[in-house]
Each structure stands twice: as C-alpha cells, then as structure tokens.
PDB file of N, CA and C in Angstrom:
ATOM      1  N   UNK A   1       2.484  16.348  10.070  1.00  0.00           N
ATOM      2  CA  UNK A   1       3.479  15.236   9.967  1.00  0.00           C
ATOM      3  C   UNK A   1       2.610  13.941   9.920  1.00  0.00           C
ATOM      4  N   UNK A   2       3.056  12.982   9.030  1.00  0.00           N
ATOM      5  CA  UNK A   2       2.138  11.831   8.734  1.00  0.00           C
ATOM      6  C   UNK A   2       2.386  10.769   9.821  1.00  0.00           C
ATOM      7  N   UNK A   3       1.362  10.223  10.236  1.00  0.00           N
ATOM      8  CA  UNK A   3       1.504   9.033  11.169  1.00  0.00           C
ATOM      9  C   UNK A   3       1.582   7.697  10.355  1.00  0.00           C
ATOM     10  N   UNK A   4       2.757   7.139  10.276  1.00  0.00           N
ATOM     11  CA  UNK A   4       3.081   6.056   9.585  1.00  0.00           C
ATOM     12  C   UNK A   4       2.050   4.973   9.802  1.00  0.00           C
ATOM     13  N   UNK A   5       1.759   4.506  11.049  1.00  0.00           N
ATOM     14  CA  UNK A   5       0.949   3.384  11.245  1.00  0.00           C
ATOM     15  C   UNK A   5      -0.384   3.658  10.746  1.00  0.00           C
ATOM     16  N   UNK A   6      -0.954   4.899  10.914  1.00  0.00           N
ATOM     17  CA  UNK A   6      -2.257   5.278  10.476  1.00  0.00           C
ATOM     18  C   UNK A   6      -2.231   5.107   8.838  1.00  0.00           C
ATOM     19  N   UNK A   7      -1.068   5.493   8.260  1.00  0.00           N
ATOM     20  CA  UNK A   7      -1.170   5.402   6.717  1.00  0.00           C
ATOM     21  C   UNK A   7      -1.021   3.975   6.383  1.00  0.00           C
ATOM     22  N   UNK A   8      -0.339   2.949   6.997  1.00  0.00           N
ATOM     23  CA  UNK A   8      -0.312   1.563   6.811  1.00  0.00           C
ATOM     24  C   UNK A   8      -1.767   1.100   6.988  1.00  0.00           C
ATOM     25  N   UNK A   9      -2.541   1.468   8.025  1.00  0.00           N
ATOM     26  CA  UNK A   9      -3.799   0.960   8.329  1.00  0.00           C
ATOM     27  C   UNK A   9      -4.726   1.381   7.212  1.00  0.00           C
ATOM     28  N   UNK A  10      -4.596   2.621   6.785  1.00  0.00           N
ATOM     29  CA  UNK A  10      -5.436   3.123   5.958  1.00  0.00           C
ATOM     30  C   UNK A  10      -5.391   2.397   4.440  1.00  0.00           C
ATOM     31  N   UNK A  11      -3.980   2.051   4.143  1.00  0.00           N
ATOM     32  CA  UNK A  11      -3.821   1.117   2.822  1.00  0.00           C
ATOM     33  C   UNK A  11      -4.329  -0.197   2.959  1.00  0.00           C
ATOM     34  N   UNK A  12      -4.096  -0.654   4.181  1.00  0.00           N
ATOM     35  CA  UNK A  12      -4.455  -2.141   4.489  1.00  0.00           C
ATOM     36  C   UNK A  12      -5.918  -2.353   4.531  1.00  0.00           C
ATOM     37  N   UNK A  13      -6.651  -1.365   5.237  1.00  0.00           N
ATOM     38  CA  UNK A  13      -8.112  -1.513   5.196  1.00  0.00           C
ATOM     39  C   UNK A  13      -8.785  -1.186   3.981  1.00  0.00           C
ATOM     40  N   UNK A  14      -8.191  -0.405   3.006  1.00  0.00           N
ATOM     41  CA  UNK A  14      -8.699  -0.156   1.769  1.00  0.00           C
ATOM     42  C   UNK A  14      -8.560  -1.408   0.880  1.00  0.00           C
ATOM     43  N   UNK A  15      -7.694  -2.246   1.218  1.00  0.00           N
ATOM     44  CA  UNK A  15      -7.553  -3.509   0.465  1.00  0.00           C
ATOM     45  C   UNK A  15      -8.370  -4.720   1.195  1.00  0.00           C
ATOM     46  N   UNK A  16      -8.952  -4.380   2.253  1.00  0.00           N
ATOM     47  CA  UNK A  16      -9.726  -5.475   3.138  1.00  0.00           C
ATOM     48  C   UNK A  16      -8.916  -6.508   3.785  1.00  0.00           C
ATOM     49  N   UNK A  17      -7.484  -6.034   4.020  1.00  0.00           N
ATOM     50  CA  UNK A  17      -6.594  -6.991   4.684  1.00  0.00           C
ATOM     51  C   UNK A  17      -6.590  -6.971   6.084  1.00  0.00           C
ATOM     52  N   UNK A  18      -6.442  -8.039   6.833  1.00  0.00           N
ATOM     53  CA  UNK A  18      -6.166  -7.959   8.291  1.00  0.00           C
ATOM     54  C   UNK A  18      -4.724  -7.703   8.406  1.00  0.00           C
ATOM     55  N   UNK A  19      -4.295  -7.647   9.628  1.00  0.00           N
ATOM     56  CA  UNK A  19      -2.863  -7.369   9.984  1.00  0.00           C
ATOM     57  C   UNK A  19      -1.969  -8.736   9.545  1.00  0.00           C
ATOM     58  N   UNK A  20      -2.571  -9.809   9.644  1.00  0.00           N
ATOM     59  CA  UNK A  20      -1.936 -11.103   9.164  1.00  0.00           C
ATOM     60  C   UNK A  20      -1.824 -11.193   7.685  1.00  0.00           C
ATOM     61  N   UNK A  21      -2.909 -10.586   6.965  1.00  0.00           N
ATOM     62  CA  UNK A  21      -2.766 -10.635   5.582  1.00  0.00           C
ATOM     63  C   UNK A  21      -1.600  -9.859   5.037  1.00  0.00           C
ATOM     64  N   UNK A  22      -1.505  -8.510   5.805  1.00  0.00           N
ATOM     65  CA  UNK A  22      -0.433  -7.607   5.482  1.00  0.00           C
ATOM     66  C   UNK A  22       0.973  -8.396   5.707  1.00  0.00           C
ATOM     67  N   UNK A  23       1.067  -9.082   6.723  1.00  0.00           N
ATOM     68  CA  UNK A  23       2.407  -9.687   7.018  1.00  0.00           C
ATOM     69  C   UNK A  23       2.742 -10.744   6.024  1.00  0.00           C
ATOM     70  N   UNK A  24       1.632 -11.457   5.501  1.00  0.00           N
ATOM     71  CA  UNK A  24       1.891 -12.612   4.376  1.00  0.00           C
ATOM     72  C   UNK A  24       2.216 -11.752   3.214  1.00  0.00           C
ATOM     73  N   UNK A  25       1.467 -10.836   2.750  1.00  0.00           N
ATOM     74  CA  UNK A  25       1.745 -10.209   1.498  1.00  0.00           C
ATOM     75  C   UNK A  25       3.075  -9.478   1.407  1.00  0.00           C
ATOM     76  N   UNK A  26       3.555  -9.070   2.559  1.00  0.00           N
ATOM     77  CA  UNK A  26       4.892  -8.270   2.663  1.00  0.00           C
ATOM     78  C   UNK A  26       6.090  -9.164   2.832  1.00  0.00           C
ATOM     79  N   UNK A  27       5.689 -10.546   3.172  1.00  0.00           N
ATOM     80  CA  UNK A  27       6.603 -11.645   3.397  1.00  0.00           C
ATOM     81  C   UNK A  27       7.333 -11.164   4.699  1.00  0.00           C
ATOM     82  N   UNK A  28       6.731 -10.754   5.725  1.00  0.00           N
ATOM     83  CA  UNK A  28       7.190 -10.394   7.008  1.00  0.00           C
ATOM     84  C   UNK A  28       6.627 -11.371   8.065  1.00  0.00           C
ATOM     85  N   UNK A  29       7.263 -11.554   9.094  1.00  0.00           N
ATOM     86  CA  UNK A  29       6.594 -12.396  10.181  1.00  0.00           C
ATOM     87  C   UNK A  29       5.439 -11.648  10.857  1.00  0.00           C
ATOM     88  N   UNK A  30       4.622 -12.412  11.242  1.00  0.00           N
ATOM     89  CA  UNK A  30       3.436 -11.930  11.910  1.00  0.00           C
ATOM     90  C   UNK A  30       3.779 -11.084  13.175  1.00  0.00           C
ATOM     91  N   UNK A  31       4.819 -11.513  13.722  1.00  0.00           N
ATOM     92  CA  UNK A  31       5.264 -10.983  15.031  1.00  0.00           C
ATOM     93  C   UNK A  31       5.719  -9.453  14.678  1.00  0.00           C
ATOM     94  N   UNK A  32       6.492  -9.457  13.539  1.00  0.00           N
ATOM     95  CA  UNK A  32       7.006  -7.984  13.124  1.00  0.00           C
ATOM     96  C   UNK A  32       5.932  -7.080  12.826  1.00  0.00           C
ATOM     97  N   UNK A  33       5.023  -7.469  12.172  1.00  0.00           N
ATOM     98  CA  UNK A  33       3.896  -6.491  12.038  1.00  0.00           C
ATOM     99  C   UNK A  33       3.155  -6.259  13.294  1.00  0.00           C
ATOM    100  N   UNK A  34       2.711  -7.318  14.018  1.00  0.00           N
ATOM    101  CA  UNK A  34       1.926  -7.234  15.251  1.00  0.00           C
ATOM    102  C   UNK A  34       2.732  -6.343  16.242  1.00  0.00           C
ATOM    103  N   UNK A  35       4.179  -6.365  16.285  1.00  0.00           N
ATOM    104  CA  UNK A  35       4.807  -5.601  17.181  1.00  0.00           C
ATOM    105  C   UNK A  35       4.719  -4.085  16.871  1.00  0.00           C
ATOM    106  N   UNK A  36       4.674  -3.721  15.574  1.00  0.00           N
ATOM    107  CA  UNK A  36       4.440  -2.393  15.187  1.00  0.00           C
ATOM    108  C   UNK A  36       3.216  -1.721  15.773  1.00  0.00           C
ATOM    109  N   UNK A  37       2.168  -2.562  15.788  1.00  0.00           N
ATOM    110  CA  UNK A  37       0.845  -2.102  16.276  1.00  0.00           C
ATOM    111  C   UNK A  37       0.942  -2.000  17.939  1.00  0.00           C
ATOM    112  N   UNK A  38       1.467  -3.179  18.573  1.00  0.00           N
ATOM    113  CA  UNK A  38       1.323  -3.250  19.920  1.00  0.00           C
ATOM    114  C   UNK A  38       2.306  -2.209  20.540  1.00  0.00           C
ATOM    115  N   UNK A  39       3.356  -1.844  19.884  1.00  0.00           N
ATOM    116  CA  UNK A  39       4.405  -1.007  20.401  1.00  0.00           C
ATOM    117  C   UNK A  39       4.174   0.482  19.911  1.00  0.00           C
ATOM    118  N   UNK A  40       3.208   0.614  18.990  1.00  0.00           N
ATOM    119  CA  UNK A  40       2.975   1.807  18.349  1.00  0.00           C
ATOM    120  C   UNK A  40       4.244   2.418  17.853  1.00  0.00           C
ATOM    121  N   UNK A  41       5.088   1.635  17.186  1.00  0.00           N
ATOM    122  CA  UNK A  41       6.489   2.139  16.741  1.00  0.00           C
ATOM    123  C   UNK A  41       6.446   2.279  15.295  1.00  0.00           C
ATOM    124  N   UNK A  42       7.285   3.167  14.838  1.00  0.00           N
ATOM    125  CA  UNK A  42       7.502   3.200  13.329  1.00  0.00           C
ATOM    126  C   UNK A  42       8.392   1.989  12.928  1.00  0.00           C
ATOM    127  N   UNK A  43       8.051   1.463  11.731  1.00  0.00           N
ATOM    128  CA  UNK A  43       8.781   0.459  11.233  1.00  0.00           C
ATOM    129  C   UNK A  43      10.350   0.877  10.769  1.00  0.00           C
ATOM    130  N   UNK A  44      11.240  -0.071  10.605  1.00  0.00           N
ATOM    131  CA  UNK A  44      12.362   0.204  10.149  1.00  0.00           C
ATOM    132  C   UNK A  44      12.190   0.406   8.641  1.00  0.00           C
ATOM    133  N   UNK A  45      13.209   1.002   8.025  1.00  0.00           N
ATOM    134  CA  UNK A  45      13.030   1.234   6.506  1.00  0.00           C
ATOM    135  C   UNK A  45      12.906  -0.038   5.756  1.00  0.00           C
ATOM    136  N   UNK A  46      13.651  -0.966   6.022  1.00  0.00           N
ATOM    137  CA  UNK A  46      13.364  -2.314   5.383  1.00  0.00           C
ATOM    138  C   UNK A  46      12.018  -2.975   5.522  1.00  0.00           C
ATOM    139  N   UNK A  47      11.525  -2.750   6.669  1.00  0.00           N
ATOM    140  CA  UNK A  47      10.153  -3.287   7.006  1.00  0.00           C
ATOM    141  C   UNK A  47       9.123  -2.480   6.165  1.00  0.00           C
ATOM    142  N   UNK A  48       9.384  -1.096   6.192  1.00  0.00           N
ATOM    143  CA  UNK A  48       8.383  -0.189   5.374  1.00  0.00           C
ATOM    144  C   UNK A  48       8.528  -0.397   3.848  1.00  0.00           C
ATOM    145  N   UNK A  49       9.736  -0.720   3.481  1.00  0.00           N
ATOM    146  CA  UNK A  49       9.765  -1.032   1.943  1.00  0.00           C
ATOM    147  C   UNK A  49       9.075  -2.325   1.796  1.00  0.00           C
ATOM    148  N   UNK A  50       9.131  -3.447   2.563  1.00  0.00           N
ATOM    149  CA  UNK A  50       8.500  -4.688   2.233  1.00  0.00           C
ATOM    150  C   UNK A  50       6.871  -4.469   2.342  1.00  0.00           C
ATOM    151  N   UNK A  51       6.367  -3.533   3.243  1.00  0.00           N
ATOM    152  CA  UNK A  51       4.986  -3.265   3.299  1.00  0.00           C
ATOM    153  C   UNK A  51       4.579  -2.510   1.988  1.00  0.00           C
ATOM    154  N   UNK A  52       5.406  -1.570   1.646  1.00  0.00           N
ATOM    155  CA  UNK A  52       5.073  -0.745   0.428  1.00  0.00           C
ATOM    156  C   UNK A  52       4.973  -1.690  -0.803  1.00  0.00           C
ATOM    157  N   UNK A  53       6.006  -2.759  -0.777  1.00  0.00           N
ATOM    158  CA  UNK A  53       6.027  -3.588  -1.905  1.00  0.00           C
ATOM    159  C   UNK A  53       4.644  -4.435  -1.982  1.00  0.00           C
ATOM    160  N   UNK A  54       4.261  -4.973  -0.818  1.00  0.00           N
ATOM    161  CA  UNK A  54       2.966  -5.593  -0.697  1.00  0.00           C
ATOM    162  C   UNK A  54       1.816  -4.820  -1.069  1.00  0.00           C
ATOM    163  N   UNK A  55       1.874  -3.562  -0.941  1.00  0.00           N
ATOM    164  CA  UNK A  55       0.714  -2.681  -1.324  1.00  0.00           C
ATOM    165  C   UNK A  55       0.972  -2.239  -2.910  1.00  0.00           C
ATOM    166  N   UNK A  56       2.103  -2.596  -3.467  1.00  0.00           N
ATOM    167  CA  UNK A  56       2.413  -2.241  -4.883  1.00  0.00           C
ATOM    168  C   UNK A  56       2.663  -0.748  -4.926  1.00  0.00           C
ATOM    169  N   UNK A  57       3.099  -0.038  -4.080  1.00  0.00           N
ATOM    170  CA  UNK A  57       3.457   1.285  -4.215  1.00  0.00           C
ATOM    171  C   UNK A  57       5.010   1.494  -3.761  1.00  0.00           C
ATOM    172  N   UNK A  58       5.459   2.667  -4.143  1.00  0.00           N
ATOM    173  CA  UNK A  58       6.794   2.990  -3.655  1.00  0.00           C
ATOM    174  C   UNK A  58       6.821   3.844  -2.489  1.00  0.00           C
ATOM    175  N   UNK A  59       7.869   4.095  -1.840  1.00  0.00           N
ATOM    176  CA  UNK A  59       8.084   4.803  -0.730  1.00  0.00           C
ATOM    177  C   UNK A  59       7.599   6.249  -0.859  1.00  0.00           C
ATOM    178  N   UNK A  60       7.855   6.916  -1.940  1.00  0.00           N
ATOM    179  CA  UNK A  60       7.401   8.207  -2.368  1.00  0.00           C
ATOM    180  C   UNK A  60       5.879   8.196  -2.307  1.00  0.00           C
ATOM    181  N   UNK A  61       5.260   7.140  -3.047  1.00  0.00           N
ATOM    182  CA  UNK A  61       3.872   7.166  -3.037  1.00  0.00           C
ATOM    183  C   UNK A  61       3.124   6.953  -1.698  1.00  0.00           C
ATOM    184  N   UNK A  62       3.895   6.126  -0.779  1.00  0.00           N
ATOM    185  CA  UNK A  62       3.449   5.978   0.613  1.00  0.00           C
ATOM    186  C   UNK A  62       3.305   7.323   1.212  1.00  0.00           C
ATOM    187  N   UNK A  63       4.387   8.095   1.044  1.00  0.00           N
ATOM    188  CA  UNK A  63       4.499   9.489   1.835  1.00  0.00           C
ATOM    189  C   UNK A  63       3.779  10.537   1.165  1.00  0.00           C
ATOM    190  N   UNK A  64       3.361  10.384   0.014  1.00  0.00           N
ATOM    191  CA  UNK A  64       2.752  11.539  -0.803  1.00  0.00           C
ATOM    192  C   UNK A  64       1.538  11.837  -0.188  1.00  0.00           C
ATOM    193  N   UNK A  65       0.999  13.035  -0.065  1.00  0.00           N
ATOM    194  CA  UNK A  65      -0.179  13.639   0.400  1.00  0.00           C
ATOM    195  C   UNK A  65      -1.118  13.294  -0.743  1.00  0.00           C
ATOM    196  N   UNK A  66      -2.469  13.122  -0.334  1.00  0.00           N
ATOM    197  CA  UNK A  66      -3.474  13.064  -1.401  1.00  0.00           C
ATOM    198  C   UNK A  66      -3.613  14.419  -1.909  1.00  0.00           C
ATOM    199  N   UNK A  67      -3.884  14.389  -3.390  1.00  0.00           N
ATOM    200  CA  UNK A  67      -4.040  15.683  -4.159  1.00  0.00           C
ATOM    201  C   UNK A  67      -5.106  16.379  -3.807  1.00  0.00           C
ATOM    202  N   UNK A  68      -5.152  17.489  -4.151  1.00  0.00           N
ATOM    203  CA  UNK A  68      -6.300  18.512  -3.879  1.00  0.00           C
ATOM    204  C   UNK A  68      -7.560  18.352  -4.378  1.00  0.00           C
ATOM    205  N   UNK A  69      -7.593  17.303  -5.385  1.00  0.00           N
ATOM    206  CA  UNK A  69      -8.843  17.296  -6.216  1.00  0.00           C
ATOM    207  C   UNK A  69      -9.775  16.087  -5.651  1.00  0.00           C
ATOM    208  N   UNK A  70      -9.754  16.100  -4.285  1.00  0.00           N
ATOM    209  CA  UNK A  70     -10.675  14.997  -3.585  1.00  0.00           C
ATOM    210  C   UNK A  70     -10.165  13.715  -3.494  1.00  0.00           C
ATOM    211  N   UNK A  71      -8.846  13.522  -3.693  1.00  0.00           N
ATOM    212  CA  UNK A  71      -8.064  12.215  -3.617  1.00  0.00           C
ATOM    213  C   UNK A  71      -8.274  11.400  -4.970  1.00  0.00           C
ATOM    214  N   UNK A  72      -8.321  12.013  -6.056  1.00  0.00           N
ATOM    215  CA  UNK A  72      -8.461  11.272  -7.408  1.00  0.00           C
ATOM    216  C   UNK A  72      -7.346  10.266  -7.504  1.00  0.00           C
ATOM    217  N   UNK A  73      -6.115  10.617  -7.104  1.00  0.00           N
ATOM    218  CA  UNK A  73      -5.039   9.648  -7.094  1.00  0.00           C
ATOM    219  C   UNK A  73      -5.206   8.454  -6.315  1.00  0.00           C
ATOM    220  N   UNK A  74      -5.699   8.709  -5.237  1.00  0.00           N
ATOM    221  CA  UNK A  74      -6.016   7.447  -4.265  1.00  0.00           C
ATOM    222  C   UNK A  74      -7.116   6.693  -4.718  1.00  0.00           C
ATOM    223  N   UNK A  75      -8.079   7.454  -5.451  1.00  0.00           N
ATOM    224  CA  UNK A  75      -9.207   6.552  -5.897  1.00  0.00           C
ATOM    225  C   UNK A  75      -8.757   5.823  -7.093  1.00  0.00           C
ATOM    226  N   UNK A  76      -7.899   6.276  -7.898  1.00  0.00           N
ATOM    227  CA  UNK A  76      -7.307   5.489  -8.976  1.00  0.00           C
ATOM    228  C   UNK A  76      -6.570   4.188  -8.460  1.00  0.00           C
ATOM    229  N   UNK A  77      -5.801   4.439  -7.511  1.00  0.00           N
ATOM    230  CA  UNK A  77      -5.175   3.414  -6.880  1.00  0.00           C
ATOM    231  C   UNK A  77      -6.028   2.216  -6.391  1.00  0.00           C
ATOM    232  N   UNK A  78      -7.102   2.720  -5.721  1.00  0.00           N
ATOM    233  CA  UNK A  78      -8.071   1.780  -5.127  1.00  0.00           C
ATOM    234  C   UNK A  78      -8.813   0.950  -6.347  1.00  0.00           C
ATOM    235  N   UNK A  79      -9.047   1.732  -7.340  1.00  0.00           N
ATOM    236  CA  UNK A  79      -9.633   1.004  -8.566  1.00  0.00           C
ATOM    237  C   UNK A  79      -8.685  -0.019  -9.093  1.00  0.00           C
ATOM    238  N   UNK A  80      -7.384   0.381  -9.317  1.00  0.00           N
ATOM    239  CA  UNK A  80      -6.408  -0.462  -9.829  1.00  0.00           C
ATOM    240  C   UNK A  80      -6.171  -1.638  -8.974  1.00  0.00           C
ATOM    241  N   UNK A  81      -6.100  -1.476  -7.744  1.00  0.00           N
ATOM    242  CA  UNK A  81      -5.965  -2.596  -6.706  1.00  0.00           C
ATOM    243  C   UNK A  81      -7.208  -3.644  -6.704  1.00  0.00           C
ATOM    244  N   UNK A  82      -8.339  -3.366  -7.244  1.00  0.00           N
ATOM    245  CA  UNK A  82      -9.451  -4.128  -7.257  1.00  0.00           C
ATOM    246  C   UNK A  82      -9.565  -4.791  -8.646  1.00  0.00           C
ATOM    247  N   UNK A  83      -8.742  -4.376  -9.571  1.00  0.00           N
ATOM    248  CA  UNK A  83      -8.826  -5.059 -10.875  1.00  0.00           C
ATOM    249  C   UNK A  83      -8.223  -6.533 -10.813  1.00  0.00           C
ATOM    250  N   UNK A  84      -8.752  -7.466 -11.607  1.00  0.00           N
ATOM    251  CA  UNK A  84      -7.945  -8.685 -11.847  1.00  0.00           C
ATOM    252  C   UNK A  84      -6.602  -8.508 -12.425  1.00  0.00           C
ATOM    253  N   UNK A  85      -5.711  -9.432 -12.176  1.00  0.00           N
ATOM    254  CA  UNK A  85      -4.460  -9.371 -12.758  1.00  0.00           C
ATOM    255  C   UNK A  85      -4.446  -9.155 -14.328  1.00  0.00           C
ATOM    256  N   UNK A  86      -5.260  -9.794 -15.021  1.00  0.00           N
ATOM    257  CA  UNK A  86      -5.496  -9.747 -16.296  1.00  0.00           C
ATOM    258  C   UNK A  86      -5.801  -8.172 -16.840  1.00  0.00           C
ATOM    259  N   UNK A  87      -6.831  -7.806 -16.161  1.00  0.00           N
ATOM    260  CA  UNK A  87      -7.178  -6.355 -16.513  1.00  0.00           C
ATOM    261  C   UNK A  87      -6.075  -5.355 -16.219  1.00  0.00           C
ATOM    262  N   UNK A  88      -5.475  -5.598 -15.142  1.00  0.00           N
ATOM    263  CA  UNK A  88      -4.122  -4.673 -14.673  1.00  0.00           C
ATOM    264  C   UNK A  88      -3.197  -4.749 -15.801  1.00  0.00           C
ATOM    265  N   UNK A  89      -2.962  -5.957 -16.268  1.00  0.00           N
ATOM    266  CA  UNK A  89      -1.954  -6.118 -17.559  1.00  0.00           C
ATOM    267  C   UNK A  89      -2.528  -5.330 -18.758  1.00  0.00           C
ATOM    268  N   UNK A  90      -3.727  -5.513 -18.964  1.00  0.00           N
ATOM    269  CA  UNK A  90      -4.307  -4.804 -20.245  1.00  0.00           C
ATOM    270  C   UNK A  90      -4.174  -3.292 -20.072  1.00  0.00           C
ATOM    271  N   UNK A  91      -4.403  -2.818 -18.711  1.00  0.00           N
ATOM    272  CA  UNK A  91      -4.268  -1.485 -18.629  1.00  0.00           C
ATOM    273  C   UNK A  91      -2.962  -0.797 -18.744  1.00  0.00           C
ATOM    274  N   UNK A  92      -1.976  -1.570 -18.231  1.00  0.00           N
ATOM    275  CA  UNK A  92      -0.616  -1.375 -18.422  1.00  0.00           C
ATOM    276  C   UNK A  92      -0.152  -1.351 -19.919  1.00  0.00           C
ATOM    277  N   UNK A  93      -0.452  -2.354 -20.626  1.00  0.00           N
ATOM    278  CA  UNK A  93      -0.361  -2.336 -22.019  1.00  0.00           C
ATOM    279  C   UNK A  93      -0.799  -1.137 -22.843  1.00  0.00           C
ATOM    280  N   UNK A  94      -1.999  -0.843 -22.363  1.00  0.00           N
ATOM    281  CA  UNK A  94      -2.739   0.389 -22.954  1.00  0.00           C
ATOM    282  C   UNK A  94      -1.898   1.676 -22.810  1.00  0.00           C
ATOM    283  N   UNK A  95      -1.479   1.723 -21.433  1.00  0.00           N
ATOM    284  CA  UNK A  95      -0.629   3.064 -21.087  1.00  0.00           C
ATOM    285  C   UNK A  95       0.674   2.922 -21.686  1.00  0.00           C
ATOM    286  N   UNK A  96       1.064   1.825 -21.953  1.00  0.00           N
ATOM    287  CA  UNK A  96       2.476   1.764 -22.697  1.00  0.00           C
ATOM    288  C   UNK A  96       2.398   2.204 -23.995  1.00  0.00           C
ATOM    289  N   UNK A  97       1.168   1.564 -24.686  1.00  0.00           N
ATOM    290  CA  UNK A  97       0.901   2.179 -25.995  1.00  0.00           C
ATOM    291  C   UNK A  97       0.802   3.602 -26.250  1.00  0.00           C
ATOM    292  N   UNK A  98       0.558   4.312 -25.118  1.00  0.00           N
ATOM    293  CA  UNK A  98       0.264   5.934 -25.405  1.00  0.00           C
ATOM    294  C   UNK A  98       1.532   6.536 -25.277  1.00  0.00           C
ATOM    295  N   UNK A  99       2.735   6.054 -25.084  1.00  0.00           N
ATOM    296  CA  UNK A  99       4.054   6.641 -24.890  1.00  0.00           C
ATOM    297  C   UNK A  99       4.427   7.212 -26.214  1.00  0.00           C
TER     298      UNK A  99
END
C-alpha cells in the first residue's frame, strides 16, 4: 500500500520544492500542507487534487506504481518537468503531430 505523504515528498523533492513551494504551487495555505506533515495524516481528496495539479499529474498518475523498466515513465516525467515552458509546448506540438 502506498504511503501518500511519502509519494508527495518524492514528487516535491524531485522538483526541488520546499513544503512552502508546494503550498504556493498548489494554491493551498501553508498551514494546510504543514498540517499534513505534522499530523502525518492523509490529505482530503480536494487537497490531493490541488497537489496533483501543482505537480502537473492526474490522480491516477499519482497512484500509479513505477513501471518495471527501471522507472522510465518517472524519468520521462522528471525530464519534462525540467523543460522550459517553450520546450514543453514544442514537445506537445510534436506529439500532437504524430496522432
């Protein structure tokens, strides 16, 4: 069973975000995010949706286990996250052209 706070931490640290950065990106109050950690509680669904939105992933992507190929999907997500917005747009345009 997945530990939700550990998964949030994994995604947050992969982006180099502090807990406060996560709160800002998710448009949540700092106390909401801090309380998750201090109480070691699972977030409400609405809070988790906001956090996933900040990470640019869906709830299903949040809960998906890494693939058996050494985490290639996770690596792809990390690389895309490090792209500039212009490069991300170019990648999406390229992928759309392949449909």
